[in-house]
Protein backbone atom coordinates (compact mmCIF):
# COMPACT_ATOMS: atom_id res chain seq x y z
CA MET A 1 0.00 0.00 0.00
CA VAL A 2 2.83 2.45 0.79
CA GLU A 3 4.31 1.77 -2.63
CA HIS A 4 1.05 2.88 -4.21
CA CYS A 5 1.06 6.07 -2.16
CA ILE A 6 4.55 6.75 -3.50
CA LEU A 7 3.29 6.20 -7.04
CA ALA A 8 0.36 8.55 -6.37
CA SER A 9 2.76 11.23 -5.13
CA LEU A 10 4.49 11.10 -8.52
CA ARG A 11 1.33 11.58 -10.56
CA ALA A 12 1.74 15.35 -10.64
CA GLY A 13 5.31 15.10 -11.92
CA GLU A 14 8.82 14.14 -11.00
CA ARG A 15 10.06 14.64 -7.46
CA TYR A 16 13.18 13.87 -5.51
CA GLY A 17 13.22 11.48 -2.58
CA PHE A 18 13.23 14.04 0.21
CA GLU A 19 10.07 15.69 -1.18
CA ILE A 20 8.28 12.34 -1.23
CA ALA A 21 9.53 11.44 2.25
CA ARG A 22 8.42 14.79 3.67
CA ASP A 23 4.86 14.16 2.46
CA LEU A 24 4.64 10.56 3.71
CA GLU A 25 6.86 10.53 6.80
CA GLY A 26 5.12 10.15 10.12
CA THR A 27 1.94 8.75 8.60
CA LEU A 28 2.85 6.16 5.99
CA LEU A 29 6.62 5.99 6.47
CA ALA A 30 8.40 5.40 9.74
CA SER A 31 11.33 7.52 8.53
CA ALA A 32 12.85 8.92 5.35
CA GLY A 33 15.33 6.04 5.38
CA THR A 34 12.56 3.54 4.67
CA LEU A 35 11.63 5.34 1.44
CA TYR A 36 14.75 4.63 -0.58
CA PRO A 37 14.51 0.81 -0.56
CA LEU A 38 10.89 1.18 -1.71
CA LEU A 39 11.89 3.57 -4.51
CA SER A 40 14.63 1.16 -5.56
CA ARG A 41 12.15 -1.72 -5.72
CA LEU A 42 9.68 0.40 -7.73
CA ARG A 43 12.47 1.42 -10.12
CA LYS A 44 13.65 -2.17 -10.59
CA GLY A 45 10.04 -3.17 -11.22
CA GLY A 46 9.70 -0.57 -13.96
CA LEU A 47 7.03 1.42 -12.13
CA VAL A 48 9.19 4.53 -11.69
CA ALA A 49 12.09 5.96 -13.63
CA SER A 50 14.86 8.07 -12.17
CA SER A 51 17.39 10.61 -13.35
CA TRP A 52 20.10 12.69 -11.71
CA GLN A 53 19.72 16.46 -11.90
CA GLU A 54 21.95 19.26 -10.71
CA SER A 55 20.76 21.18 -7.69
CA THR A 56 21.32 24.84 -6.90
CA GLU A 57 21.30 23.93 -3.19
CA GLY A 58 23.96 21.20 -2.97
CA PRO A 59 24.85 17.95 -4.68
CA PRO A 60 22.88 16.50 -7.60
CA ARG A 61 19.54 14.94 -6.70
CA ARG A 62 17.90 11.81 -8.01
CA TYR A 63 14.45 12.61 -9.31
CA TYR A 64 11.76 9.97 -9.72
CA SER A 65 8.90 9.91 -12.19
CA LEU A 66 5.96 7.63 -12.82
CA THR A 67 6.22 5.29 -15.83
CA ALA A 68 3.30 4.06 -17.92
CA ASP A 69 3.49 0.74 -16.05
CA GLY A 70 3.47 2.66 -12.76
CA GLU A 71 0.36 4.56 -13.80
CA ALA A 72 -1.33 1.29 -14.80
CA ALA A 73 -0.42 -0.30 -11.45
CA LEU A 74 -1.77 2.73 -9.61
CA GLN A 75 -5.04 2.62 -11.55
CA ALA A 76 -5.43 -1.10 -10.81
CA PHE A 77 -4.82 -0.44 -7.11
CA GLU A 78 -7.39 2.37 -7.07
CA SER A 79 -9.95 0.11 -8.74
CA ALA A 80 -9.58 -2.36 -5.89
CA TRP A 81 -8.97 0.12 -3.07
CA ILE A 82 -11.98 2.39 -3.45
CA PRO A 83 -14.63 -0.36 -3.06
CA PHE A 84 -12.61 -1.87 -0.19
CA ARG A 85 -12.35 1.51 1.56
CA ASP A 86 -16.07 2.13 1.09
CA ALA A 87 -16.93 -1.30 2.53
CA VAL A 88 -14.74 -0.68 5.59
CA ASP A 89 -16.24 2.78 6.08
CA SER A 90 -19.73 1.30 5.86
CA ALA A 91 -18.91 -1.43 8.37
CA LEU A 92 -17.41 1.05 10.82
CA LEU A 93 -20.34 3.44 10.56
CA GLU A 94 -22.94 0.69 10.84
CA GLY A 95 -22.25 0.16 14.54
CA LYS A 96 -22.69 3.82 15.46
């Protein structure tokens, strides 16, 4: 599930790891250090691409972007997630 949240964070365009970590840390990631193995796995799986870009604020940064396969995987996840989420919401509200 966290991997899909990473993919969703790349829908708007390429981002570097720290930007992604800042958005997900504390809620979906225990720490920024847990992000990079996930990004590596997504890259090896062909769901994200990466490139190095110069930075005006220090060393070059690795930027990640969503591939067509990544977008397809995210759409498939959403197709399954939304009905699941709605069913859980319904079950939780039913007892109130």
